[in-house]
Amino acid sequence: MMVPTALAQGGISNCCLKITGTKVHRDSLKSYYVEDPSSCTQNAVVFTTIMGRRICASQTNVWTKTSMAYLDGKNWQRIHTTLKQQRH
């Protein structure tokens, strides 16, 4: 289940309307960002899937934390592999 987002006050960014317990396979995740607590009421992490769907997850959820770490590691590996290739 994907969760809708709404414009924050002032229309600057999109905010999660509610948190979902939806878990998708990590290989389906493309990126994430943590919502700005000064403009959004939920304490959420928003994952974007490779299909472009957004999932609003709780920052305290174990699946959220491990998925963030997975994406951070995947991005770190991709960046360092690219840097190595550029040096050669």
N, C-alpha and C. Protein backbone atom coordinates (compact mmCIF):
# COMPACT_ATOMS: atom_id res chain seq x y z
N MET A 1 0.83 -1.17 0.00
CA MET A 1 0.00 0.00 0.00
C MET A 1 0.88 1.24 0.00
N MET A 2 0.69 2.11 -0.95
CA MET A 2 1.42 3.35 -1.01
C MET A 2 0.62 4.41 -0.26
N VAL A 3 1.31 5.32 0.36
CA VAL A 3 0.64 6.33 1.17
C VAL A 3 0.70 7.68 0.48
N PRO A 4 -0.44 8.39 0.46
CA PRO A 4 -0.44 9.69 -0.20
C PRO A 4 0.35 10.73 0.58
N THR A 5 0.83 11.71 -0.14
CA THR A 5 1.53 12.83 0.47
C THR A 5 0.75 14.10 0.15
N ALA A 6 0.99 15.13 0.91
CA ALA A 6 0.31 16.41 0.70
C ALA A 6 1.33 17.53 0.71
N LEU A 7 0.96 18.64 0.14
CA LEU A 7 1.85 19.79 0.16
C LEU A 7 1.96 20.32 1.59
N ALA A 8 3.17 20.63 1.98
CA ALA A 8 3.40 21.21 3.30
C ALA A 8 2.91 22.65 3.30
N GLN A 9 2.85 23.25 4.47
CA GLN A 9 2.46 24.66 4.54
C GLN A 9 3.40 25.47 3.68
N GLY A 10 2.84 26.33 2.87
CA GLY A 10 3.66 27.12 1.96
C GLY A 10 3.93 26.41 0.65
N GLY A 11 3.58 25.13 0.54
CA GLY A 11 3.74 24.39 -0.70
C GLY A 11 5.17 24.11 -1.09
N ILE A 12 6.10 24.14 -0.13
CA ILE A 12 7.51 23.97 -0.45
C ILE A 12 7.86 22.52 -0.73
N SER A 13 7.33 21.59 0.07
CA SER A 13 7.68 20.18 -0.13
C SER A 13 6.46 19.31 0.09
N ASN A 14 6.57 18.05 -0.28
CA ASN A 14 5.50 17.09 -0.04
C ASN A 14 5.73 16.42 1.30
N CYS A 15 4.63 16.21 2.04
CA CYS A 15 4.71 15.57 3.34
C CYS A 15 3.81 14.34 3.37
N CYS A 16 4.20 13.35 4.14
CA CYS A 16 3.38 12.16 4.32
C CYS A 16 2.14 12.50 5.14
N LEU A 17 1.00 12.00 4.70
CA LEU A 17 -0.23 12.18 5.46
C LEU A 17 -0.34 11.14 6.56
N LYS A 18 0.21 9.95 6.31
CA LYS A 18 0.26 8.93 7.34
C LYS A 18 1.38 7.95 7.04
N ILE A 19 1.76 7.21 8.06
CA ILE A 19 2.84 6.23 7.96
C ILE A 19 2.24 4.89 7.59
N THR A 20 2.95 4.12 6.78
CA THR A 20 2.49 2.79 6.41
C THR A 20 3.43 1.73 6.94
N GLY A 21 2.92 0.52 7.12
CA GLY A 21 3.75 -0.60 7.53
C GLY A 21 4.24 -1.41 6.34
N THR A 22 4.01 -0.91 5.14
CA THR A 22 4.39 -1.61 3.92
C THR A 22 5.90 -1.82 3.87
N LYS A 23 6.29 -3.05 3.56
CA LYS A 23 7.71 -3.37 3.38
C LYS A 23 7.87 -3.94 1.98
N VAL A 24 8.81 -3.40 1.24
CA VAL A 24 9.10 -3.93 -0.09
C VAL A 24 10.52 -4.47 -0.07
N HIS A 25 10.83 -5.32 -1.02
CA HIS A 25 12.18 -5.88 -1.11
C HIS A 25 13.16 -4.75 -1.36
N ARG A 26 14.28 -4.79 -0.69
CA ARG A 26 15.26 -3.70 -0.79
C ARG A 26 15.76 -3.47 -2.21
N ASP A 27 15.79 -4.51 -3.02
CA ASP A 27 16.22 -4.35 -4.41
C ASP A 27 15.24 -3.48 -5.20
N SER A 28 14.03 -3.31 -4.68
CA SER A 28 13.03 -2.46 -5.35
C SER A 28 13.15 -1.00 -4.95
N LEU A 29 14.00 -0.70 -3.96
CA LEU A 29 14.15 0.67 -3.49
C LEU A 29 15.23 1.40 -4.27
N LYS A 30 14.95 2.65 -4.59
CA LYS A 30 15.91 3.47 -5.36
C LYS A 30 16.59 4.51 -4.47
N SER A 31 15.82 5.17 -3.63
CA SER A 31 16.37 6.23 -2.79
C SER A 31 15.45 6.50 -1.61
N TYR A 32 15.91 7.39 -0.74
CA TYR A 32 15.07 7.81 0.39
C TYR A 32 15.48 9.20 0.83
N TYR A 33 14.59 9.83 1.58
CA TYR A 33 14.92 11.07 2.27
C TYR A 33 14.10 11.15 3.54
N VAL A 34 14.62 11.89 4.50
CA VAL A 34 13.93 12.09 5.77
C VAL A 34 13.17 13.40 5.66
N GLU A 35 11.88 13.35 6.01
CA GLU A 35 11.07 14.56 5.94
C GLU A 35 11.58 15.62 6.90
N ASP A 36 11.44 16.85 6.51
CA ASP A 36 11.85 18.00 7.33
C ASP A 36 10.82 18.20 8.44
N PRO A 37 11.22 17.99 9.71
CA PRO A 37 10.27 18.12 10.80
C PRO A 37 9.73 19.54 10.99
N SER A 38 10.40 20.53 10.45
CA SER A 38 9.91 21.90 10.60
C SER A 38 8.75 22.21 9.65
N SER A 39 8.58 21.40 8.60
CA SER A 39 7.48 21.66 7.67
C SER A 39 6.51 20.50 7.52
N CYS A 40 6.80 19.34 8.11
CA CYS A 40 5.91 18.19 8.02
C CYS A 40 5.55 17.69 9.42
N THR A 41 4.32 17.24 9.57
CA THR A 41 3.86 16.81 10.90
C THR A 41 4.26 15.38 11.26
N GLN A 42 4.45 14.53 10.26
CA GLN A 42 4.84 13.15 10.52
C GLN A 42 6.36 13.07 10.69
N ASN A 43 6.81 12.11 11.47
CA ASN A 43 8.23 11.85 11.63
C ASN A 43 8.57 10.70 10.69
N ALA A 44 8.72 11.00 9.39
CA ALA A 44 8.75 9.94 8.39
C ALA A 44 10.01 9.95 7.53
N VAL A 45 10.29 8.75 7.01
CA VAL A 45 11.29 8.56 5.97
C VAL A 45 10.50 8.19 4.72
N VAL A 46 10.80 8.82 3.61
CA VAL A 46 10.09 8.55 2.36
C VAL A 46 11.02 7.80 1.43
N PHE A 47 10.63 6.56 1.11
CA PHE A 47 11.39 5.74 0.16
C PHE A 47 10.77 5.90 -1.22
N THR A 48 11.61 5.92 -2.23
CA THR A 48 11.14 5.91 -3.61
C THR A 48 11.57 4.59 -4.23
N THR A 49 10.63 3.90 -4.86
CA THR A 49 10.94 2.62 -5.49
C THR A 49 11.48 2.86 -6.90
N ILE A 50 12.03 1.82 -7.50
CA ILE A 50 12.54 1.94 -8.87
C ILE A 50 11.41 2.22 -9.86
N MET A 51 10.16 1.95 -9.44
CA MET A 51 9.00 2.24 -10.28
C MET A 51 8.45 3.65 -10.02
N GLY A 52 9.11 4.41 -9.12
CA GLY A 52 8.71 5.78 -8.87
C GLY A 52 7.63 5.96 -7.81
N ARG A 53 7.28 4.90 -7.10
CA ARG A 53 6.28 5.01 -6.04
C ARG A 53 6.94 5.44 -4.75
N ARG A 54 6.18 6.15 -3.92
CA ARG A 54 6.69 6.64 -2.65
C ARG A 54 6.06 5.88 -1.48
N ILE A 55 6.89 5.52 -0.51
CA ILE A 55 6.44 4.81 0.68
C ILE A 55 6.84 5.63 1.90
N CYS A 56 5.87 5.97 2.73
CA CYS A 56 6.12 6.72 3.96
C CYS A 56 6.29 5.73 5.11
N ALA A 57 7.46 5.74 5.74
CA ALA A 57 7.77 4.79 6.80
C ALA A 57 8.21 5.52 8.06
N SER A 58 7.97 4.87 9.20
CA SER A 58 8.38 5.43 10.48
C SER A 58 9.89 5.41 10.62
N GLN A 59 10.47 6.48 11.15
CA GLN A 59 11.91 6.55 11.35
C GLN A 59 12.39 5.54 12.38
N THR A 60 11.50 5.10 13.28
CA THR A 60 11.90 4.19 14.35
C THR A 60 11.74 2.71 13.98
N ASN A 61 11.16 2.43 12.83
CA ASN A 61 10.93 1.06 12.39
C ASN A 61 12.26 0.39 12.00
N VAL A 62 12.46 -0.86 12.44
CA VAL A 62 13.70 -1.58 12.13
C VAL A 62 13.87 -1.74 10.62
N TRP A 63 12.79 -2.07 9.90
CA TRP A 63 12.87 -2.22 8.44
C TRP A 63 13.34 -0.91 7.80
N THR A 64 12.84 0.22 8.31
CA THR A 64 13.24 1.52 7.78
C THR A 64 14.74 1.74 7.96
N LYS A 65 15.23 1.49 9.16
CA LYS A 65 16.65 1.72 9.47
C LYS A 65 17.56 0.82 8.63
N THR A 66 17.18 -0.46 8.50
CA THR A 66 18.03 -1.37 7.73
C THR A 66 17.97 -1.05 6.23
N SER A 67 16.81 -0.59 5.77
CA SER A 67 16.68 -0.22 4.35
C SER A 67 17.47 1.04 4.04
N MET A 68 17.48 2.00 4.98
CA MET A 68 18.29 3.21 4.80
C MET A 68 19.77 2.83 4.75
N ALA A 69 20.20 1.96 5.66
CA ALA A 69 21.60 1.53 5.68
C ALA A 69 21.97 0.80 4.39
N TYR A 70 21.05 -0.04 3.90
CA TYR A 70 21.27 -0.76 2.65
C TYR A 70 21.48 0.22 1.50
N LEU A 71 20.59 1.22 1.39
CA LEU A 71 20.71 2.20 0.30
C LEU A 71 21.97 3.05 0.46
N ASP A 72 22.32 3.40 1.70
CA ASP A 72 23.55 4.16 1.93
C ASP A 72 24.77 3.36 1.48
N GLY A 73 24.80 2.08 1.81
CA GLY A 73 25.91 1.20 1.41
C GLY A 73 25.95 1.02 -0.09
N LYS A 74 24.80 0.86 -0.71
CA LYS A 74 24.73 0.69 -2.15
C LYS A 74 25.24 1.95 -2.86
N ASN A 75 24.85 3.11 -2.37
CA ASN A 75 25.31 4.37 -2.97
C ASN A 75 26.80 4.58 -2.73
N TRP A 76 27.29 4.23 -1.54
CA TRP A 76 28.71 4.36 -1.23
C TRP A 76 29.53 3.50 -2.19
N GLN A 77 29.09 2.26 -2.39
CA GLN A 77 29.81 1.34 -3.28
C GLN A 77 29.79 1.86 -4.72
N ARG A 78 28.65 2.37 -5.17
CA ARG A 78 28.53 2.88 -6.53
C ARG A 78 29.44 4.09 -6.73
N ILE A 79 29.48 4.99 -5.78
CA ILE A 79 30.32 6.20 -5.89
C ILE A 79 31.79 5.83 -5.91
N HIS A 80 32.21 4.93 -5.03
CA HIS A 80 33.62 4.56 -4.97
C HIS A 80 34.06 3.72 -6.16
N THR A 81 33.17 2.93 -6.72
CA THR A 81 33.49 2.17 -7.93
C THR A 81 33.69 3.14 -9.09
N THR A 82 32.85 4.16 -9.19
CA THR A 82 32.96 5.16 -10.24
C THR A 82 34.27 5.94 -10.10
N LEU A 83 34.63 6.31 -8.86
CA LEU A 83 35.88 7.04 -8.64
C LEU A 83 37.09 6.21 -9.03
N LYS A 84 37.08 4.92 -8.71
CA LYS A 84 38.18 4.04 -9.11
C LYS A 84 38.32 3.98 -10.62
N GLN A 85 37.19 3.87 -11.30
CA GLN A 85 37.23 3.78 -12.77
C GLN A 85 37.74 5.06 -13.38
N GLN A 86 37.44 6.22 -12.77
CA GLN A 86 37.90 7.50 -13.30
C GLN A 86 39.39 7.69 -13.11
N ARG A 87 39.97 7.07 -12.09
CA ARG A 87 41.41 7.20 -11.83
C ARG A 87 42.26 6.40 -12.81
N HIS A 88 41.69 5.38 -13.41
CA HIS A 88 42.46 4.50 -14.32
C HIS A 88 42.43 5.01 -15.73
